[in-house]
Protein backbone atom coordinates (compact mmCIF):
# COMPACT_ATOMS: atom_id res chain seq x y z
CA UNK A 1 136.83 101.70 91.20
CA UNK A 2 133.21 100.42 90.63
CA UNK A 3 130.96 102.81 88.82
CA UNK A 4 127.61 103.81 90.30
CA UNK A 5 124.32 104.27 88.34
CA UNK A 6 120.90 105.38 89.47
CA UNK A 7 117.84 103.74 87.83
CA UNK A 8 114.38 105.19 88.35
CA UNK A 9 111.12 103.22 87.97
CA UNK A 10 113.18 100.12 88.85
CA UNK A 11 110.82 97.79 90.71
CA UNK A 12 109.71 95.84 87.70
CA UNK A 13 109.76 95.49 83.96
CA UNK A 14 112.20 97.60 81.95
CA UNK A 15 113.61 99.38 84.98
CA UNK A 16 114.35 96.11 86.88
CA UNK A 17 115.89 94.71 83.75
CA UNK A 18 118.13 97.73 83.46
CA UNK A 19 119.14 97.60 87.12
CA UNK A 20 119.96 93.90 86.84
CA UNK A 21 121.97 94.39 83.73
CA UNK A 22 124.26 96.91 85.36
CA UNK A 23 124.66 94.71 88.48
CA UNK A 24 125.71 91.94 86.20
CA UNK A 25 128.40 94.22 84.70
CA UNK A 26 129.81 94.98 88.11
CA UNK A 27 128.19 98.38 88.77
CA UNK A 28 126.85 99.69 92.00
CA UNK A 29 123.07 100.43 91.44
CA UNK A 30 120.76 102.69 93.32
CA UNK A 31 117.24 101.54 92.32
CA UNK A 32 114.20 103.69 93.08
CA UNK A 33 110.43 103.50 92.66
CA UNK A 34 107.39 103.77 94.91
CA UNK A 35 107.80 100.14 96.05
CA UNK A 36 111.35 99.23 95.11
CA UNK A 37 112.02 97.47 98.42
CA UNK A 38 109.17 95.06 97.68
CA UNK A 39 110.44 94.19 94.18
CA UNK A 40 110.61 90.45 93.28
CA UNK A 41 112.45 91.23 90.02
CA UNK A 42 115.46 93.04 91.38
CA UNK A 43 118.51 90.76 92.01
CA UNK A 44 119.70 91.03 95.59
CA UNK A 45 123.26 92.22 95.86
CA UNK A 46 125.64 94.12 98.22
CA UNK A 47 126.06 96.42 95.23
CA UNK A 48 122.40 97.34 95.25
CA UNK A 49 120.81 100.16 97.31
CA UNK A 50 117.02 100.71 97.19
CA UNK A 51 115.06 103.85 97.82
CA UNK A 52 111.34 103.86 97.97
CA UNK A 53 109.38 106.95 97.03
CA UNK A 54 107.72 109.02 94.21
CA UNK A 55 110.51 110.23 91.95
CA UNK A 56 108.27 113.22 90.95
CA UNK A 57 108.81 114.49 94.52
CA UNK A 58 111.96 116.59 94.73
CA UNK A 59 112.70 115.42 98.20
CA UNK A 60 112.76 111.81 97.09
CA UNK A 61 115.06 112.67 94.19
CA UNK A 62 117.47 114.38 96.66
CA UNK A 63 117.34 111.26 98.85
CA UNK A 64 118.24 109.00 95.96
CA UNK A 65 121.34 111.07 95.09
CA UNK A 66 122.29 111.33 98.82
CA UNK A 67 122.03 107.57 99.12
CA UNK A 68 124.26 107.06 96.09
CA UNK A 69 126.98 109.35 97.36
CA UNK A 70 126.87 108.10 101.03
CA UNK A 71 126.74 104.44 100.10
CA UNK A 72 128.99 104.25 97.06
CA UNK A 73 130.98 107.48 97.08
CA UNK A 74 129.63 109.15 93.96
CA UNK A 75 127.60 108.85 90.78
CA UNK A 76 128.61 108.00 87.30
CA UNK A 77 125.24 107.78 85.51
CA UNK A 78 121.52 108.13 85.63
CA UNK A 79 118.84 106.18 83.79
CA UNK A 80 115.51 108.05 83.75
CA UNK A 81 113.20 105.14 83.21
CA UNK A 82 110.20 106.03 85.49
CA UNK A 83 107.15 106.93 83.44
CA UNK A 84 103.47 106.25 83.01
CA UNK A 85 101.37 105.73 79.82
CA UNK A 86 97.79 106.68 79.46
CA UNK A 87 96.15 105.90 76.20
CA UNK A 88 92.72 107.37 75.29
CA UNK A 89 91.12 109.67 72.71
CA UNK A 90 92.57 113.18 72.96
CA UNK A 91 89.24 114.76 73.91
CA UNK A 92 88.81 112.18 76.77
CA UNK A 93 91.97 113.17 78.67
CA UNK A 94 91.16 114.83 82.02
CA UNK A 95 93.14 117.36 83.91
CA UNK A 96 94.00 114.58 86.40
CA UNK A 97 95.34 112.46 83.56
CA UNK A 98 97.48 115.39 82.42
CA UNK A 99 98.72 116.22 85.91
CA UNK A 100 99.66 112.56 86.49
CA UNK A 101 101.57 112.41 83.24
CA UNK A 102 103.42 115.65 83.90
CA UNK A 103 104.19 114.67 87.50
CA UNK A 104 105.78 111.32 86.73
CA UNK A 105 107.19 111.79 83.19
CA UNK A 106 108.44 115.36 83.51
CA UNK A 107 108.85 116.17 87.11
CA UNK A 108 110.09 112.59 87.67
CA UNK A 109 112.93 113.50 85.16
CA UNK A 110 113.51 117.11 86.12
CA UNK A 111 114.41 116.87 89.81
CA UNK A 112 116.53 113.73 89.78
CA UNK A 113 118.43 114.98 86.68
CA UNK A 114 119.12 118.31 88.31
CA UNK A 115 120.55 116.73 91.52
CA UNK A 116 122.57 114.19 89.53
CA UNK A 117 123.96 116.93 87.34
CA UNK A 118 125.10 118.94 90.31
CA UNK A 119 126.90 115.92 91.70
CA UNK A 120 128.51 115.09 88.37
CA UNK A 121 129.63 118.64 87.88
CA UNK A 122 131.21 118.72 91.35
CA UNK A 123 132.98 115.36 90.71
CA UNK A 124 134.48 116.81 87.40
CA UNK A 125 134.79 113.40 85.71
CA UNK A 126 131.89 113.49 83.26
CA UNK A 127 128.93 111.06 83.28
CA UNK A 128 125.97 109.75 81.46
CA UNK A 129 122.22 110.34 81.49
CA UNK A 130 120.02 107.96 79.52
CA UNK A 131 116.23 108.53 79.16
CA UNK A 132 113.55 106.07 78.08
CA UNK A 133 111.24 107.54 75.43
CA UNK A 134 109.20 105.71 72.71
CA UNK A 135 109.05 105.09 68.99
CA UNK A 136 105.49 106.46 69.10
CA UNK A 137 106.95 109.97 68.94
CA UNK A 138 108.25 109.37 65.42
CA UNK A 139 105.84 106.74 64.32
CA UNK A 140 102.26 107.13 65.76
CA UNK A 141 99.77 104.26 65.57
CA UNK A 142 96.16 105.29 64.78
CA UNK A 143 94.78 102.55 66.97
CA UNK A 144 96.76 103.71 69.91
CA UNK A 145 95.69 107.33 70.75
CA UNK A 146 98.39 108.70 73.09
CA UNK A 147 98.59 112.45 72.14
CA UNK A 148 98.75 113.88 75.63
CA UNK A 149 101.16 111.23 76.89
CA UNK A 150 103.41 112.15 73.97
CA UNK A 151 103.41 115.82 75.06
CA UNK A 152 105.35 114.59 78.06
CA UNK A 153 107.63 112.21 76.28
CA UNK A 154 108.28 114.79 73.63
CA UNK A 155 109.29 117.27 76.29
CA UNK A 156 111.78 114.76 77.75
CA UNK A 157 113.19 114.10 74.26
CA UNK A 158 113.67 117.78 73.52
CA UNK A 159 115.35 118.39 76.86
CA UNK A 160 117.84 115.56 76.31
CA UNK A 161 119.05 116.92 72.99
CA UNK A 162 119.51 120.44 74.41
CA UNK A 163 121.26 119.15 77.57
CA UNK A 164 123.64 117.14 75.46
CA UNK A 165 124.99 120.32 74.03
CA UNK A 166 124.74 122.38 77.25
CA UNK A 167 126.94 119.90 79.16
CA UNK A 168 129.11 118.45 76.39
CA UNK A 169 132.25 120.40 77.44
CA UNK A 170 131.73 118.94 80.90
CA UNK A 171 131.95 115.46 79.51
CA UNK A 172 128.33 114.66 80.60
CA UNK A 173 126.39 112.87 77.86
CA UNK A 174 122.69 112.75 77.29
CA UNK A 175 121.10 110.03 75.18
CA UNK A 176 117.72 108.31 74.76
CA UNK A 177 116.49 104.75 74.16
CA UNK A 178 113.20 104.55 72.36
CA UNK A 179 111.50 101.19 72.74
CA UNK A 180 108.65 99.97 70.68
CA UNK A 181 106.42 97.33 72.20
CA UNK A 182 108.13 95.52 75.18
CA UNK A 183 107.16 92.33 77.03
CA UNK A 184 106.52 93.84 80.47
CA UNK A 185 103.95 93.51 83.22
CA UNK A 186 102.23 96.55 81.67
CA UNK A 187 101.32 94.38 78.66
CA UNK A 188 100.43 91.15 80.46
CA UNK A 189 96.79 91.39 79.16
CA UNK A 190 97.79 92.53 75.66
CA UNK A 191 97.28 89.88 73.00
CA UNK A 192 100.58 88.61 71.68
CA UNK A 193 99.54 88.80 68.06
CA UNK A 194 98.68 92.53 68.47
CA UNK A 195 102.02 93.20 70.08
CA UNK A 196 103.83 91.50 67.28
CA UNK A 197 101.84 93.56 64.67
CA UNK A 198 103.41 96.78 66.02
CA UNK A 199 106.77 95.94 64.61
CA UNK A 200 107.79 95.27 60.97
CA UNK A 201 109.91 92.41 62.34
CA UNK A 202 106.75 90.80 63.72
CA UNK A 203 108.23 90.61 67.14
CA UNK A 204 108.37 92.55 70.41
CA UNK A 205 111.34 93.41 72.63
CA UNK A 206 112.42 91.82 75.87
CA UNK A 207 113.45 93.86 78.80
CA UNK A 208 117.02 92.56 78.46
CA UNK A 209 117.16 93.95 74.90
CA UNK A 210 116.19 97.45 76.15
CA UNK A 211 118.68 97.11 79.00
CA UNK A 212 121.45 96.21 76.53
CA UNK A 213 120.73 99.48 74.61
CA UNK A 214 120.87 101.49 77.83
CA UNK A 215 124.15 99.88 78.85
CA UNK A 216 125.61 100.63 75.45
CA UNK A 217 124.74 104.30 75.62
CA UNK A 218 125.96 104.65 79.19
CA UNK A 219 129.41 103.21 78.24
CA UNK A 220 129.68 104.84 74.77
CA UNK A 221 132.01 107.71 75.66
CA UNK A 222 131.79 109.47 72.37
CA UNK A 223 128.08 109.29 71.82
CA UNK A 224 125.75 112.14 72.97
CA UNK A 225 122.54 113.73 71.84
CA UNK A 226 121.37 110.52 70.20
CA UNK A 227 118.20 108.45 70.29
CA UNK A 228 118.64 104.69 69.86
CA UNK A 229 115.40 103.04 68.54
CA UNK A 230 114.77 99.51 69.80
CA UNK A 231 111.44 98.78 68.21
CA UNK A 232 112.15 96.22 65.49
CA UNK A 233 112.05 99.01 62.83
CA UNK A 234 108.79 100.54 64.06
CA UNK A 235 110.26 104.04 63.84
CA UNK A 236 110.51 103.74 59.99
CA UNK A 237 106.81 104.01 59.29
CA UNK A 238 104.07 101.80 57.83
CA UNK A 239 104.50 98.10 56.83
């Protein structure tokens, strides 16, 4: 029986790369984002279902899970990839910035994870939840002020570790992938030399390299509560 996975923030960049990687491995994929149906990066497949909407809206999250169950018969995993990133000096963040970060990064994780968990518990066959965080939590960069954004990513990270223990006996695993700098549309205007300087390896990741890490954790049946750094060593400090 083919496994089914939900990927949020899947219209482009890392999310599309993750969705395509699972399709290539024979999974059914439910891809969601505000404009997923207009994506030019998602591979077309009979094994792909697309749901448009704001994942920070609980009704959209419910629709995504309903689509997975009705179209493919169940759910085996979730990838919480949807997220936004606002970089500015701490004192310049506005309430609107904060609300936007919380809505997408935290509410966009909360509701979909709750609905998926209820389905996984009902199915009684375990499952996997992988979240996308960042190496900036463990290795801040002075020239990249993201203190308020890290409040939300840190919350996601703390929740994952706690949920890994809460649902361990149910066979439901929670893990994280922490990318460093990744070549995505978000960084299309970022100088390549600067991107390379953010890794001691002098390189930046491709979306496929991040997707490979997500696939590994999804399929690693005895791994839970872990964070897999994919930042060319950026999490290890100064260089």
